[in-house]
Amino acid sequence: NGQLPSDNLSLVKIHCGAVWVATAADGVVRLPGMIEGGFTDVADDGGAGLPSSMHLYANYPNPFNPVTTIEFDLKQQADITVAVYDVRGRLIQTLLSGVRAAGSHRVVWDGRDLNGTAVSSGVYIYQLKTGDAVLSRKMMLMK
């Protein structure tokens, strides 16, 4: 019937125009449909609205030219680094570094390296590092 039982609902995320629902039994389910108003979190955690785990989302748009947005969730406050690498593992740009609060975060990359020079078309890796975890994803810059 397309409806989730309310006792299984653990997280609803409005992300990039789609609704994502995480359930205890099923993991993540994508429900089609457009949602206006950007990015927000609603968690079944007594009203605090904090993510239940650390997560690094797919950048958007992807492929991109010349700007892309990277979003991530932190379960708890952490000293983090968000960086971009080329496929050979060389550091291209550090986007964020330092302590961030628990919750949802967003950073925009403009396709420039550490010297402020626009990078060439290609595949790049973006990575979220904390003291005890590393999450990585691929993205493509197309000029």
Protein backbone atom coordinates (compact mmCIF):
# COMPACT_ATOMS: atom_id res chain seq x y z
CA ASN A 1 0.00 0.00 0.00
CA GLY A 2 3.06 2.28 -0.06
CA GLN A 3 2.84 3.20 3.63
CA LEU A 4 5.31 2.33 6.36
CA PRO A 5 4.05 1.23 9.75
CA SER A 6 4.69 4.08 12.17
CA ASP A 7 6.39 1.78 14.71
CA ASN A 8 9.17 1.02 12.17
CA LEU A 9 9.88 4.64 11.24
CA SER A 10 13.22 5.82 12.59
CA LEU A 11 14.37 8.66 10.31
CA VAL A 12 12.85 10.80 7.60
CA LYS A 13 15.23 12.90 5.50
CA ILE A 14 14.24 15.40 2.86
CA HIS A 15 17.26 15.50 0.57
CA CYS A 16 17.76 16.82 -2.96
CA GLY A 17 14.07 16.89 -3.77
CA ALA A 18 13.37 13.33 -2.63
CA VAL A 19 12.22 11.85 0.64
CA TRP A 20 14.37 9.13 2.19
CA VAL A 21 12.98 6.98 4.96
CA ALA A 22 15.19 4.76 7.07
CA THR A 23 13.46 1.96 8.93
CA ALA A 24 14.83 -0.44 11.51
CA ALA A 25 13.99 -3.42 9.30
CA ASP A 26 14.68 -2.17 5.78
CA GLY A 27 17.62 0.25 5.75
CA VAL A 28 16.87 3.10 3.35
CA VAL A 29 13.84 3.39 1.07
CA ARG A 30 13.45 6.16 -1.50
CA LEU A 31 10.00 7.58 -1.95
CA PRO A 32 9.53 9.46 -5.23
CA GLY A 33 8.25 13.01 -5.30
CA MET A 34 9.48 16.54 -5.17
CA ILE A 35 9.80 18.37 -1.88
CA GLU A 36 10.39 22.12 -1.83
CA GLY A 37 12.46 23.93 0.75
CA GLY A 38 15.94 22.39 0.70
CA PHE A 39 17.40 20.03 3.27
CA THR A 40 16.09 19.11 6.68
CA ASP A 41 16.18 16.24 9.16
CA VAL A 42 13.45 14.86 11.37
CA ALA A 43 14.50 12.03 13.65
CA ASP A 44 12.54 9.83 16.01
CA ASP A 45 14.85 10.50 18.94
CA GLY A 46 12.63 12.34 21.38
CA GLY A 47 12.65 15.56 19.40
CA ALA A 48 16.38 16.29 19.27
CA GLY A 49 16.50 15.85 15.47
CA LEU A 50 20.05 14.48 15.45
CA PRO A 51 21.29 11.84 12.98
CA SER A 52 21.62 8.32 14.33
CA SER A 53 24.89 7.66 12.46
CA MET A 54 27.69 9.31 10.54
CA HIS A 55 26.87 9.47 6.82
CA LEU A 56 28.44 10.97 3.70
CA TYR A 57 25.92 11.63 0.93
CA ALA A 58 26.39 11.65 -2.83
CA ASN A 59 27.40 15.09 -4.02
CA TYR A 60 25.00 17.01 -6.20
CA PRO A 61 24.92 17.70 -8.97
CA ASN A 62 27.11 14.85 -10.19
CA PRO A 63 28.60 15.20 -12.73
CA PHE A 64 29.09 18.90 -12.00
CA ASN A 65 30.47 22.07 -13.58
CA PRO A 66 31.79 24.16 -11.91
CA VAL A 67 30.24 23.79 -8.41
CA THR A 68 29.00 20.83 -6.37
CA THR A 69 27.52 20.42 -2.88
CA ILE A 70 28.64 17.77 -0.39
CA GLU A 71 26.45 16.92 2.60
CA PHE A 72 27.19 14.77 5.61
CA ASP A 73 25.72 13.85 8.98
CA LEU A 74 27.54 13.55 12.29
CA LYS A 75 26.03 11.49 15.09
CA GLN A 76 28.05 13.42 17.67
CA GLN A 77 30.42 16.35 17.81
CA ALA A 78 33.70 15.46 16.11
CA ASP A 79 36.97 16.86 14.85
CA ILE A 80 36.56 16.34 11.10
CA THR A 81 38.24 16.92 7.78
CA VAL A 82 36.44 17.03 4.44
CA ALA A 83 38.92 16.92 1.57
CA VAL A 84 39.04 16.32 -2.18
CA TYR A 85 41.67 14.05 -3.78
CA ASP A 86 42.49 13.12 -7.36
CA VAL A 87 42.34 9.44 -8.37
CA ARG A 88 46.08 9.09 -7.61
CA GLY A 89 45.43 10.08 -4.00
CA ARG A 90 46.94 13.57 -4.16
CA LEU A 91 45.23 16.23 -2.03
CA ILE A 92 43.41 18.73 -4.23
CA GLN A 93 41.54 20.83 -1.66
CA THR A 94 40.64 20.76 2.04
CA LEU A 95 37.04 21.96 2.26
CA LEU A 96 36.49 21.77 6.03
CA SER A 97 38.72 21.11 9.00
CA GLY A 98 38.01 21.33 12.70
CA VAL A 99 35.38 20.49 15.28
CA ARG A 100 31.79 20.34 14.06
CA ALA A 101 28.62 19.81 16.10
CA ALA A 102 26.40 16.76 15.78
CA GLY A 103 23.86 17.18 12.99
CA SER A 104 23.70 17.74 9.25
CA HIS A 105 26.33 19.76 7.43
CA ARG A 106 26.90 21.04 3.90
CA VAL A 107 29.96 22.33 2.05
CA VAL A 108 30.31 23.57 -1.52
CA TRP A 109 33.35 22.89 -3.71
CA ASP A 110 34.02 25.24 -6.60
CA GLY A 111 36.37 22.90 -8.51
CA ARG A 112 39.55 24.72 -7.45
CA ASP A 113 42.73 23.32 -5.93
CA LEU A 114 44.77 24.54 -2.94
CA ASN A 115 46.29 27.31 -5.11
CA GLY A 116 42.90 28.57 -6.31
CA THR A 117 43.39 27.15 -9.81
CA ALA A 118 40.45 25.47 -11.54
CA VAL A 119 41.10 21.73 -11.83
CA SER A 120 40.62 19.77 -15.04
CA SER A 121 37.72 17.49 -15.93
CA GLY A 122 37.89 14.08 -14.32
CA VAL A 123 37.01 11.86 -11.41
CA TYR A 124 37.74 13.09 -7.89
CA ILE A 125 37.33 11.48 -4.47
CA TYR A 126 35.85 13.39 -1.57
CA GLN A 127 36.44 12.10 1.92
CA LEU A 128 35.02 12.72 5.39
CA LYS A 129 37.46 11.82 8.18
CA THR A 130 36.83 11.76 11.92
CA GLY A 131 38.98 10.35 14.69
CA ASP A 132 37.58 6.85 14.22
CA ALA A 133 36.06 6.70 10.72
CA VAL A 134 36.73 7.55 7.08
CA LEU A 135 33.98 7.75 4.44
CA SER A 136 34.73 8.37 0.75
CA ARG A 137 32.75 8.86 -2.48
CA LYS A 138 33.52 9.60 -6.13
CA MET A 139 32.42 12.64 -8.10
CA MET A 140 32.96 13.78 -11.67
CA LEU A 141 33.82 17.24 -12.94
CA MET A 142 32.84 17.71 -16.60
CA LYS A 143 33.78 20.90 -18.41
